[in-house]
Amino acid sequence: MKERSEFLKELKAHKYRMSRQQYLTIKGQALKGNVNDARKGMVRILGRRGRR
């Protein structure tokens, strides 16, 4: 539970750097309990955004 809430705070801080669909997908993964994969996806999205 603690890991999920910490991740959601981190996700919310980066919300402005992703599209609405990307944000909702990552958030949905985390809420389903798949926090590790959600974190991996967020890092991947943010990494791609930095290259543009």
C-alpha atoms as a PDB file:
ATOM      1  CA  MET A   1       0.000   0.000   0.000  1.00  0.00           C
ATOM      2  CA  LYS A   2       2.722   2.438   0.936  1.00  0.00           C
ATOM      3  CA  GLU A   3       4.634   1.767  -2.266  1.00  0.00           C
ATOM      4  CA  ARG A   4       1.513   2.419  -4.338  1.00  0.00           C
ATOM      5  CA  SER A   5       0.699   5.724  -2.654  1.00  0.00           C
ATOM      6  CA  GLU A   6       4.284   6.927  -3.001  1.00  0.00           C
ATOM      7  CA  PHE A   7       4.255   6.024  -6.691  1.00  0.00           C
ATOM      8  CA  LEU A   8       0.942   7.815  -7.263  1.00  0.00           C
ATOM      9  CA  LYS A   9       2.389  10.990  -5.725  1.00  0.00           C
ATOM     10  CA  GLU A  10       5.393  10.699  -8.026  1.00  0.00           C
ATOM     11  CA  LEU A  11       3.119  10.082 -11.013  1.00  0.00           C
ATOM     12  CA  LYS A  12       1.015  13.125 -10.188  1.00  0.00           C
ATOM     13  CA  ALA A  13       4.145  15.278 -10.084  1.00  0.00           C
ATOM     14  CA  HIS A  14       4.954  14.242 -13.677  1.00  0.00           C
ATOM     15  CA  LYS A  15       1.373  14.421 -14.940  1.00  0.00           C
ATOM     16  CA  TYR A  16       2.003  17.540 -17.034  1.00  0.00           C
ATOM     17  CA  ARG A  17       4.736  15.755 -19.028  1.00  0.00           C
ATOM     18  CA  MET A  18       2.466  13.046 -20.461  1.00  0.00           C
ATOM     19  CA  SER A  19      -0.758  12.851 -22.416  1.00  0.00           C
ATOM     20  CA  ARG A  20      -4.029  12.197 -20.628  1.00  0.00           C
ATOM     21  CA  GLN A  21      -4.216   8.666 -22.031  1.00  0.00           C
ATOM     22  CA  GLN A  22      -0.672   7.829 -20.904  1.00  0.00           C
ATOM     23  CA  TYR A  23      -1.372   9.201 -17.426  1.00  0.00           C
ATOM     24  CA  LEU A  24      -4.600   7.233 -17.046  1.00  0.00           C
ATOM     25  CA  THR A  25      -2.993   4.013 -18.299  1.00  0.00           C
ATOM     26  CA  ILE A  26      -0.073   4.238 -15.866  1.00  0.00           C
ATOM     27  CA  LYS A  27      -2.389   5.192 -12.997  1.00  0.00           C
ATOM     28  CA  GLY A  28      -4.675   2.233 -13.798  1.00  0.00           C
ATOM     29  CA  GLN A  29      -1.751  -0.168 -13.741  1.00  0.00           C
ATOM     30  CA  ALA A  30      -0.649   1.116 -10.342  1.00  0.00           C
ATOM     31  CA  LEU A  31      -4.146   0.939  -8.869  1.00  0.00           C
ATOM     32  CA  LYS A  32      -4.496  -2.663 -10.031  1.00  0.00           C
ATOM     33  CA  GLY A  33      -1.370  -3.491  -8.023  1.00  0.00           C
ATOM     34  CA  ASN A  34       1.152  -3.604 -10.833  1.00  0.00           C
ATOM     35  CA  VAL A  35       3.343  -0.805  -9.440  1.00  0.00           C
ATOM     36  CA  ASN A  36       6.670  -2.082 -10.783  1.00  0.00           C
ATOM     37  CA  ASP A  37       5.425  -2.213 -14.366  1.00  0.00           C
ATOM     38  CA  ALA A  38       3.680   1.148 -13.986  1.00  0.00           C
ATOM     39  CA  ARG A  39       6.939   2.701 -12.789  1.00  0.00           C
ATOM     40  CA  LYS A  40       8.789   1.141 -15.712  1.00  0.00           C
ATOM     41  CA  GLY A  41       6.227   2.580 -18.135  1.00  0.00           C
ATOM     42  CA  MET A  42       6.413   6.026 -16.571  1.00  0.00           C
ATOM     43  CA  VAL A  43      10.203   6.087 -16.819  1.00  0.00           C
ATOM     44  CA  ARG A  44       9.961   5.023 -20.431  1.00  0.00           C
ATOM     45  CA  ILE A  45       7.424   7.731 -21.304  1.00  0.00           C
ATOM     46  CA  LEU A  46       9.393  10.443 -19.517  1.00  0.00           C
ATOM     47  CA  GLY A  47      12.587   9.309 -21.211  1.00  0.00           C
ATOM     48  CA  ARG A  48      10.973   9.622 -24.636  1.00  0.00           C
ATOM     49  CA  ARG A  49       9.596  13.057 -23.813  1.00  0.00           C
ATOM     50  CA  GLY A  50      13.062  14.325 -22.980  1.00  0.00           C
ATOM     51  CA  ARG A  51      14.374  13.487 -26.436  1.00  0.00           C
ATOM     52  CA  ARG A  52      11.862  15.616 -28.344  1.00  0.00           C
END
